[in-house]
Amino acid sequence: MAKSASEISLDYNQAVGQADSLNEMARELRNAANVSIQECISGISGCWTGSNSAAYVKKCSQLKSDVLSTAAQLERTAAAVRTIAKNTYNAEMQALRLAQLRNYS
């Protein structure tokens, strides 16, 4: 059964909402990496010296890099969801218009 215009719009809005959620998660991850993890690295560097300190700071820096990479991937995924949702919306609305123009007599 064909979707109505309101169903098509609802599906589009849900997809955009999910993309917004992904962007929010990415923002929170980026904030955690740039604030919390960085504060931890700075605290360790200031209070702990020696080779073990350097090794731990290196691991923390790698964690920060990984978290930032994950945030970037979430943003790319959100952009893809938006693009797919817009393309699907346009295609479904065009199909609906064509179906409404058909004459079955």
N, C-alpha and C. Protein backbone atom coordinates (compact mmCIF):
# COMPACT_ATOMS: atom_id res chain seq x y z
N MET A 1 0.84 -1.18 0.00
CA MET A 1 0.00 0.00 0.00
C MET A 1 0.89 1.24 0.00
N ALA A 2 0.50 2.22 -0.75
CA ALA A 2 1.27 3.46 -0.87
C ALA A 2 1.14 4.29 0.40
N LYS A 3 2.16 5.04 0.66
CA LYS A 3 2.14 5.93 1.82
C LYS A 3 1.42 7.22 1.47
N SER A 4 0.84 7.83 2.48
CA SER A 4 0.23 9.14 2.29
C SER A 4 1.31 10.21 2.47
N ALA A 5 1.00 11.43 2.09
CA ALA A 5 1.95 12.52 2.24
C ALA A 5 2.32 12.73 3.71
N SER A 6 1.36 12.57 4.58
CA SER A 6 1.64 12.75 6.01
C SER A 6 2.56 11.65 6.54
N GLU A 7 2.39 10.41 6.05
CA GLU A 7 3.28 9.32 6.45
C GLU A 7 4.70 9.56 5.94
N ILE A 8 4.80 10.04 4.70
CA ILE A 8 6.11 10.34 4.13
C ILE A 8 6.80 11.44 4.94
N SER A 9 6.07 12.47 5.28
CA SER A 9 6.61 13.57 6.08
C SER A 9 7.01 13.10 7.47
N LEU A 10 6.19 12.25 8.05
CA LEU A 10 6.50 11.72 9.38
C LEU A 10 7.79 10.91 9.35
N ASP A 11 7.93 10.04 8.35
CA ASP A 11 9.16 9.24 8.21
C ASP A 11 10.38 10.14 8.04
N TYR A 12 10.24 11.18 7.23
CA TYR A 12 11.34 12.11 7.01
C TYR A 12 11.72 12.82 8.31
N ASN A 13 10.72 13.30 9.02
CA ASN A 13 10.97 14.02 10.28
C ASN A 13 11.61 13.11 11.33
N GLN A 14 11.20 11.84 11.36
CA GLN A 14 11.81 10.89 12.29
C GLN A 14 13.29 10.66 11.94
N ALA A 15 13.58 10.53 10.66
CA ALA A 15 14.97 10.33 10.24
C ALA A 15 15.82 11.55 10.58
N VAL A 16 15.30 12.73 10.35
CA VAL A 16 16.03 13.96 10.68
C VAL A 16 16.23 14.05 12.20
N GLY A 17 15.23 13.65 12.96
CA GLY A 17 15.36 13.63 14.42
C GLY A 17 16.44 12.67 14.88
N GLN A 18 16.54 11.53 14.22
CA GLN A 18 17.60 10.58 14.56
C GLN A 18 18.97 11.16 14.20
N ALA A 19 19.05 11.85 13.07
CA ALA A 19 20.31 12.50 12.69
C ALA A 19 20.68 13.58 13.72
N ASP A 20 19.69 14.31 14.19
CA ASP A 20 19.94 15.32 15.22
C ASP A 20 20.49 14.66 16.49
N SER A 21 19.94 13.49 16.84
CA SER A 21 20.43 12.76 18.02
C SER A 21 21.88 12.33 17.83
N LEU A 22 22.22 11.88 16.64
CA LEU A 22 23.61 11.51 16.35
C LEU A 22 24.53 12.72 16.49
N ASN A 23 24.10 13.88 15.98
CA ASN A 23 24.90 15.09 16.12
C ASN A 23 25.07 15.49 17.58
N GLU A 24 24.04 15.32 18.38
CA GLU A 24 24.13 15.64 19.80
C GLU A 24 25.11 14.70 20.50
N MET A 25 25.05 13.42 20.16
CA MET A 25 26.02 12.47 20.73
C MET A 25 27.44 12.83 20.34
N ALA A 26 27.63 13.23 19.10
CA ALA A 26 28.95 13.64 18.63
C ALA A 26 29.44 14.87 19.39
N ARG A 27 28.54 15.82 19.61
CA ARG A 27 28.91 17.02 20.36
C ARG A 27 29.32 16.66 21.79
N GLU A 28 28.57 15.77 22.42
CA GLU A 28 28.90 15.35 23.79
C GLU A 28 30.23 14.61 23.84
N LEU A 29 30.48 13.75 22.86
CA LEU A 29 31.76 13.04 22.81
C LEU A 29 32.92 14.02 22.61
N ARG A 30 32.74 14.94 21.70
CA ARG A 30 33.79 15.93 21.44
C ARG A 30 34.07 16.75 22.70
N ASN A 31 33.02 17.13 23.40
CA ASN A 31 33.18 17.88 24.64
C ASN A 31 33.91 17.04 25.69
N ALA A 32 33.55 15.78 25.80
CA ALA A 32 34.21 14.90 26.76
C ALA A 32 35.70 14.77 26.45
N ALA A 33 36.02 14.65 25.19
CA ALA A 33 37.42 14.50 24.80
C ALA A 33 38.20 15.79 25.04
N ASN A 34 37.61 16.91 24.64
CA ASN A 34 38.34 18.18 24.73
C ASN A 34 38.37 18.77 26.13
N VAL A 35 37.46 18.36 26.98
CA VAL A 35 37.43 18.92 28.34
C VAL A 35 37.86 17.87 29.35
N SER A 36 37.07 16.83 29.52
CA SER A 36 37.32 15.85 30.58
C SER A 36 38.63 15.09 30.39
N ILE A 37 38.82 14.53 29.21
CA ILE A 37 40.04 13.75 28.99
C ILE A 37 41.25 14.67 29.02
N GLN A 38 41.12 15.85 28.43
CA GLN A 38 42.24 16.79 28.43
C GLN A 38 42.59 17.23 29.85
N GLU A 39 41.59 17.46 30.68
CA GLU A 39 41.85 17.82 32.08
C GLU A 39 42.58 16.69 32.80
N CYS A 40 42.18 15.47 32.52
CA CYS A 40 42.84 14.30 33.11
C CYS A 40 44.30 14.24 32.68
N ILE A 41 44.54 14.44 31.39
CA ILE A 41 45.91 14.41 30.87
C ILE A 41 46.75 15.51 31.53
N SER A 42 46.18 16.70 31.64
CA SER A 42 46.90 17.82 32.25
C SER A 42 47.19 17.55 33.73
N GLY A 43 46.23 16.98 34.42
CA GLY A 43 46.42 16.66 35.84
C GLY A 43 47.49 15.61 36.05
N ILE A 44 47.48 14.60 35.22
CA ILE A 44 48.50 13.55 35.33
C ILE A 44 49.88 14.11 35.03
N SER A 45 49.96 14.90 33.98
CA SER A 45 51.25 15.49 33.59
C SER A 45 51.81 16.37 34.70
N GLY A 46 50.94 17.07 35.41
CA GLY A 46 51.38 17.97 36.47
C GLY A 46 51.74 17.29 37.77
N CYS A 47 51.18 16.12 38.02
CA CYS A 47 51.35 15.47 39.32
C CYS A 47 52.20 14.21 39.29
N TRP A 48 52.40 13.64 38.15
CA TRP A 48 53.06 12.34 38.07
C TRP A 48 54.20 12.45 37.08
N THR A 49 55.37 12.06 37.49
CA THR A 49 56.52 12.11 36.60
C THR A 49 57.09 10.72 36.41
N GLY A 50 57.90 10.57 35.41
CA GLY A 50 58.54 9.30 35.15
C GLY A 50 58.03 8.65 33.88
N SER A 51 58.63 7.50 33.57
CA SER A 51 58.29 6.81 32.32
C SER A 51 56.87 6.27 32.33
N ASN A 52 56.41 5.83 33.50
CA ASN A 52 55.03 5.32 33.57
C ASN A 52 54.03 6.45 33.32
N SER A 53 54.34 7.63 33.80
CA SER A 53 53.49 8.79 33.56
C SER A 53 53.39 9.08 32.08
N ALA A 54 54.55 9.07 31.42
CA ALA A 54 54.56 9.36 29.98
C ALA A 54 53.77 8.31 29.20
N ALA A 55 53.90 7.05 29.60
CA ALA A 55 53.17 5.98 28.92
C ALA A 55 51.66 6.13 29.13
N TYR A 56 51.26 6.49 30.34
CA TYR A 56 49.84 6.65 30.63
C TYR A 56 49.27 7.86 29.89
N VAL A 57 50.02 8.95 29.87
CA VAL A 57 49.58 10.14 29.14
C VAL A 57 49.44 9.82 27.66
N LYS A 58 50.36 9.04 27.14
CA LYS A 58 50.28 8.63 25.73
C LYS A 58 49.00 7.84 25.47
N LYS A 59 48.67 6.92 26.38
CA LYS A 59 47.43 6.14 26.22
C LYS A 59 46.20 7.03 26.33
N CYS A 60 46.24 7.99 27.23
CA CYS A 60 45.11 8.93 27.36
C CYS A 60 44.97 9.78 26.11
N SER A 61 46.09 10.19 25.55
CA SER A 61 46.05 10.98 24.32
C SER A 61 45.48 10.16 23.17
N GLN A 62 45.83 8.88 23.13
CA GLN A 62 45.27 8.01 22.09
C GLN A 62 43.76 7.85 22.29
N LEU A 63 43.35 7.73 23.55
CA LEU A 63 41.91 7.64 23.85
C LEU A 63 41.20 8.90 23.38
N LYS A 64 41.78 10.06 23.66
CA LYS A 64 41.19 11.33 23.22
C LYS A 64 41.05 11.34 21.70
N SER A 65 42.09 10.93 21.01
CA SER A 65 42.07 10.89 19.54
C SER A 65 40.98 9.93 19.04
N ASP A 66 40.86 8.78 19.69
CA ASP A 66 39.84 7.81 19.29
C ASP A 66 38.43 8.35 19.52
N VAL A 67 38.23 9.04 20.63
CA VAL A 67 36.91 9.61 20.93
C VAL A 67 36.56 10.70 19.91
N LEU A 68 37.54 11.54 19.57
CA LEU A 68 37.29 12.57 18.56
C LEU A 68 37.01 11.96 17.20
N SER A 69 37.68 10.87 16.89
CA SER A 69 37.44 10.17 15.62
C SER A 69 36.03 9.59 15.59
N THR A 70 35.59 9.04 16.70
CA THR A 70 34.24 8.50 16.79
C THR A 70 33.20 9.61 16.64
N ALA A 71 33.46 10.75 17.24
CA ALA A 71 32.55 11.89 17.11
C ALA A 71 32.45 12.33 15.65
N ALA A 72 33.57 12.37 14.97
CA ALA A 72 33.56 12.75 13.55
C ALA A 72 32.79 11.73 12.72
N GLN A 73 32.95 10.45 13.04
CA GLN A 73 32.21 9.41 12.32
C GLN A 73 30.70 9.55 12.56
N LEU A 74 30.32 9.86 13.79
CA LEU A 74 28.90 10.09 14.08
C LEU A 74 28.35 11.25 13.26
N GLU A 75 29.14 12.31 13.12
CA GLU A 75 28.69 13.46 12.33
C GLU A 75 28.55 13.09 10.85
N ARG A 76 29.48 12.27 10.34
CA ARG A 76 29.36 11.83 8.94
C ARG A 76 28.13 10.93 8.77
N THR A 77 27.87 10.10 9.76
CA THR A 77 26.69 9.23 9.70
C THR A 77 25.41 10.06 9.73
N ALA A 78 25.37 11.07 10.57
CA ALA A 78 24.20 11.96 10.64
C ALA A 78 23.97 12.66 9.30
N ALA A 79 25.04 13.10 8.68
CA ALA A 79 24.92 13.76 7.37
C ALA A 79 24.39 12.78 6.33
N ALA A 80 24.86 11.54 6.38
CA ALA A 80 24.37 10.52 5.44
C ALA A 80 22.89 10.22 5.68
N VAL A 81 22.49 10.14 6.93
CA VAL A 81 21.07 9.90 7.26
C VAL A 81 20.22 11.03 6.70
N ARG A 82 20.68 12.26 6.86
CA ARG A 82 19.92 13.40 6.33
C ARG A 82 19.81 13.35 4.80
N THR A 83 20.91 13.02 4.15
CA THR A 83 20.90 12.94 2.69
C THR A 83 19.96 11.85 2.21
N ILE A 84 20.06 10.68 2.81
CA ILE A 84 19.19 9.56 2.43
C ILE A 84 17.73 9.90 2.71
N ALA A 85 17.48 10.52 3.86
CA ALA A 85 16.10 10.88 4.21
C ALA A 85 15.53 11.87 3.20
N LYS A 86 16.32 12.86 2.81
CA LYS A 86 15.85 13.86 1.84
C LYS A 86 15.61 13.22 0.48
N ASN A 87 16.53 12.36 0.04
CA ASN A 87 16.35 11.68 -1.25
C ASN A 87 15.12 10.77 -1.23
N THR A 88 14.94 10.05 -0.14
CA THR A 88 13.78 9.17 -0.01
C THR A 88 12.49 9.98 0.02
N TYR A 89 12.50 11.06 0.77
CA TYR A 89 11.33 11.93 0.83
C TYR A 89 10.95 12.43 -0.56
N ASN A 90 11.94 12.94 -1.29
CA ASN A 90 11.68 13.46 -2.63
C ASN A 90 11.14 12.37 -3.56
N ALA A 91 11.74 11.19 -3.51
CA ALA A 91 11.30 10.10 -4.38
C ALA A 91 9.88 9.64 -4.02
N GLU A 92 9.60 9.51 -2.72
CA GLU A 92 8.27 9.06 -2.31
C GLU A 92 7.20 10.11 -2.62
N MET A 93 7.53 11.37 -2.46
CA MET A 93 6.55 12.41 -2.78
C MET A 93 6.30 12.46 -4.29
N GLN A 94 7.34 12.28 -5.08
CA GLN A 94 7.16 12.24 -6.54
C GLN A 94 6.30 11.04 -6.93
N ALA A 95 6.56 9.89 -6.33
CA ALA A 95 5.76 8.70 -6.62
C ALA A 95 4.29 8.92 -6.22
N LEU A 96 4.08 9.58 -5.11
CA LEU A 96 2.72 9.88 -4.66
C LEU A 96 2.03 10.81 -5.65
N ARG A 97 2.74 11.85 -6.11
CA ARG A 97 2.14 12.77 -7.10
C ARG A 97 1.79 12.04 -8.39
N LEU A 98 2.68 11.18 -8.85
CA LEU A 98 2.40 10.42 -10.06
C LEU A 98 1.20 9.49 -9.88
N ALA A 99 1.13 8.85 -8.73
CA ALA A 99 0.00 7.95 -8.46
C ALA A 99 -1.32 8.71 -8.42
N GLN A 100 -1.29 9.92 -7.90
CA GLN A 100 -2.50 10.72 -7.82
C GLN A 100 -2.94 11.23 -9.19
N LEU A 101 -2.00 11.35 -10.13
CA LEU A 101 -2.32 11.83 -11.46
C LEU A 101 -2.85 10.72 -12.37
N ARG A 102 -2.62 9.47 -12.00
CA ARG A 102 -3.05 8.36 -12.86
C ARG A 102 -4.57 8.33 -12.98
N ASN A 103 -4.98 7.92 -14.17
CA ASN A 103 -6.41 7.77 -14.43
C ASN A 103 -6.64 6.28 -14.70
N TYR A 104 -7.42 5.64 -13.85
CA TYR A 104 -7.66 4.20 -13.97
C TYR A 104 -8.98 3.88 -14.65
N SER A 105 -9.39 4.67 -15.60
CA SER A 105 -10.68 4.40 -16.26
C SER A 105 -10.53 3.57 -17.50
